[in-house]
Amino acid sequence: MTRQLERKYIELQHAITENGGVQCSQLPECFFPEDEPDVYLRKKLIAVAKEVCNDCPVRLRCFDYALSAGMVGIWGGTTAEERSKLRSS
């Protein structure tokens, strides 16, 4: 892990702690839907995750970390595919 990435991770964890946790930690199946074979259910899980992210106070830090780290799953209201496209542009 690079220093910059480590700093972003620490900032994200600090923000989560300051806010008393985050709702996504209670719904891991929604935030890591890649292995769901049912396409309809996978889309629903992604929609639920993105809705939770909309009201999250650490959304921008979460997005920034995931974009930098190349994380899988829903982070900061975006899928890994969406973040990959952003990195490419």
Protein backbone atom coordinates (compact mmCIF):
# COMPACT_ATOMS: atom_id res chain seq x y z
CA MET A 1 0.00 0.00 0.00
CA THR A 2 1.44 3.35 -0.97
CA ARG A 3 1.70 6.16 1.56
CA GLN A 4 -1.00 8.16 -0.19
CA LEU A 5 -3.35 5.17 -0.28
CA GLU A 6 -2.62 4.39 3.35
CA ARG A 7 -3.41 8.01 4.28
CA LYS A 8 -6.74 7.82 2.41
CA TYR A 9 -7.60 4.58 4.19
CA ILE A 10 -6.80 6.07 7.61
CA GLU A 11 -8.85 9.19 6.80
CA LEU A 12 -11.78 7.01 5.73
CA GLN A 13 -11.61 4.91 8.90
CA HIS A 14 -11.36 8.06 11.04
CA ALA A 15 -14.41 9.58 9.31
CA ILE A 16 -16.37 6.35 9.85
CA THR A 17 -15.48 6.38 13.54
CA GLU A 18 -16.34 10.07 13.91
CA ASN A 19 -19.78 9.38 12.44
CA GLY A 20 -20.47 6.42 14.71
CA GLY A 21 -20.13 3.84 11.96
CA VAL A 22 -21.73 3.48 8.57
CA GLN A 23 -24.90 1.74 7.49
CA CYS A 24 -23.19 -0.29 4.75
CA SER A 25 -21.42 -2.43 7.34
CA GLN A 26 -24.84 -3.90 8.18
CA LEU A 27 -25.59 -4.90 4.54
CA PRO A 28 -22.47 -6.57 3.10
CA GLU A 29 -24.48 -8.60 0.57
CA CYS A 30 -25.66 -5.36 -1.04
CA PHE A 31 -22.21 -3.82 -1.25
CA PHE A 32 -20.46 -6.86 -2.74
CA PRO A 33 -23.02 -8.22 -5.25
CA GLU A 34 -20.54 -9.30 -7.95
CA ASP A 35 -21.00 -13.01 -7.26
CA GLU A 36 -24.81 -12.91 -7.32
CA PRO A 37 -25.77 -15.09 -10.33
CA ASP A 38 -29.29 -13.68 -10.67
CA VAL A 39 -28.91 -10.52 -12.78
CA TYR A 40 -32.21 -9.05 -11.57
CA LEU A 41 -31.30 -9.59 -7.90
CA ARG A 42 -27.77 -8.23 -8.48
CA LYS A 43 -29.26 -5.02 -9.95
CA LYS A 44 -31.60 -4.69 -6.96
CA LEU A 45 -28.72 -5.16 -4.51
CA ILE A 46 -26.71 -2.48 -6.31
CA ALA A 47 -29.68 -0.11 -6.24
CA VAL A 48 -30.12 -0.63 -2.48
CA ALA A 49 -26.40 -0.05 -1.88
CA LYS A 50 -26.39 3.14 -3.92
CA GLU A 51 -29.44 4.41 -2.03
CA VAL A 52 -27.66 3.81 1.29
CA CYS A 53 -24.61 5.66 -0.07
CA ASN A 54 -26.70 8.68 -1.03
CA ASP A 55 -27.20 9.61 2.62
CA CYS A 56 -23.80 8.54 3.91
CA PRO A 57 -21.67 11.25 5.53
CA VAL A 58 -18.39 9.59 4.42
CA ARG A 59 -19.45 8.95 0.82
CA LEU A 60 -16.80 11.18 -0.80
CA ARG A 61 -13.93 9.76 1.27
CA CYS A 62 -15.18 6.26 0.54
CA PHE A 63 -15.35 6.97 -3.18
CA ASP A 64 -11.89 8.56 -3.21
CA TYR A 65 -10.33 5.57 -1.42
CA ALA A 66 -12.03 3.01 -3.68
CA LEU A 67 -11.09 4.92 -6.82
CA SER A 68 -7.45 5.05 -5.74
CA ALA A 69 -7.28 1.48 -4.44
CA GLY A 70 -9.18 -0.25 -7.25
CA MET A 71 -11.62 -1.86 -4.83
CA VAL A 72 -14.40 -4.25 -5.83
CA GLY A 73 -17.95 -3.74 -4.63
CA ILE A 74 -20.01 -0.62 -4.13
CA TRP A 75 -17.98 2.21 -2.59
CA GLY A 76 -19.07 5.82 -2.45
CA GLY A 77 -22.19 5.06 -4.46
CA THR A 78 -20.33 3.58 -7.44
CA THR A 79 -19.63 0.11 -8.77
CA ALA A 80 -16.13 -1.15 -9.57
CA GLU A 81 -17.02 -0.92 -13.26
CA GLU A 82 -18.11 2.71 -12.93
CA ARG A 83 -14.91 3.59 -11.08
CA SER A 84 -12.82 1.77 -13.68
CA LYS A 85 -14.40 3.88 -16.42
CA LEU A 86 -13.66 7.05 -14.43
CA ARG A 87 -10.01 6.03 -14.02
CA SER A 88 -9.76 5.39 -17.77
CA SER A 89 -11.11 8.80 -18.77
